[in-house]
Amino acid sequence: MVKAITLLRLNPSVGPEVVCNFPKMCLEPSSRESAACEMEQVCDENFFSRHIESERVTSVNFAFSIPSRWSREDRERLMVSLLLNEDEVDPESDKIQPKLRKFATRLSKMEDAFKAFYGRQIYTFPKEERPNIREKGTSVEDLVKDLFTDTESVLKEVNMTL
């Protein structure tokens, strides 16, 4: 079973920050901090997994970037992190990685998706830009929820065949 999905952004000023997670507020602070630390060490598009002993979960992660007109680097560095119950499925499963890649592709194809990552600084933007920032934030949250649902159904399928 999927415990949670977290989307993180590498903020060049403050380091990794959680953009959204689903279900809301279900992550322990140590899980969020662990994912953030992992993100700082990843430079390129990359899949990796890690066992978090203290919470008996496996974290399956995909680091990627999307274009951004607002970022210093002209791209937003992101990571989607999937927390699974320990020993439920092989984190290297050919069923999980395509779901994470599909999520990254959908996000990168969303027009002006980068605006979703500036919700915390919304009041530094002109008033006419704020509704668009909120709308993009909602759209990204919907993509995270869709990934949760898709991954849950894949895991049910995999577990039925075991």
Foldseek 3Di string as FASTA:
>chain_A
DWQKKWKWWQDVVPAIDTLAMPPHPRDDPVVVVVVRVVQVPDDAFDWDKDADVVVQWIKTKTWHWAAAPPDPVRIITMMMIIIGHHPLDDSVDPQQVVLRVVLVVVCNPPPNLVLCRCLVVLVVDDPVCNVVNVVSVVVNVVSRVVSVVSVVVSSVVVNVVD
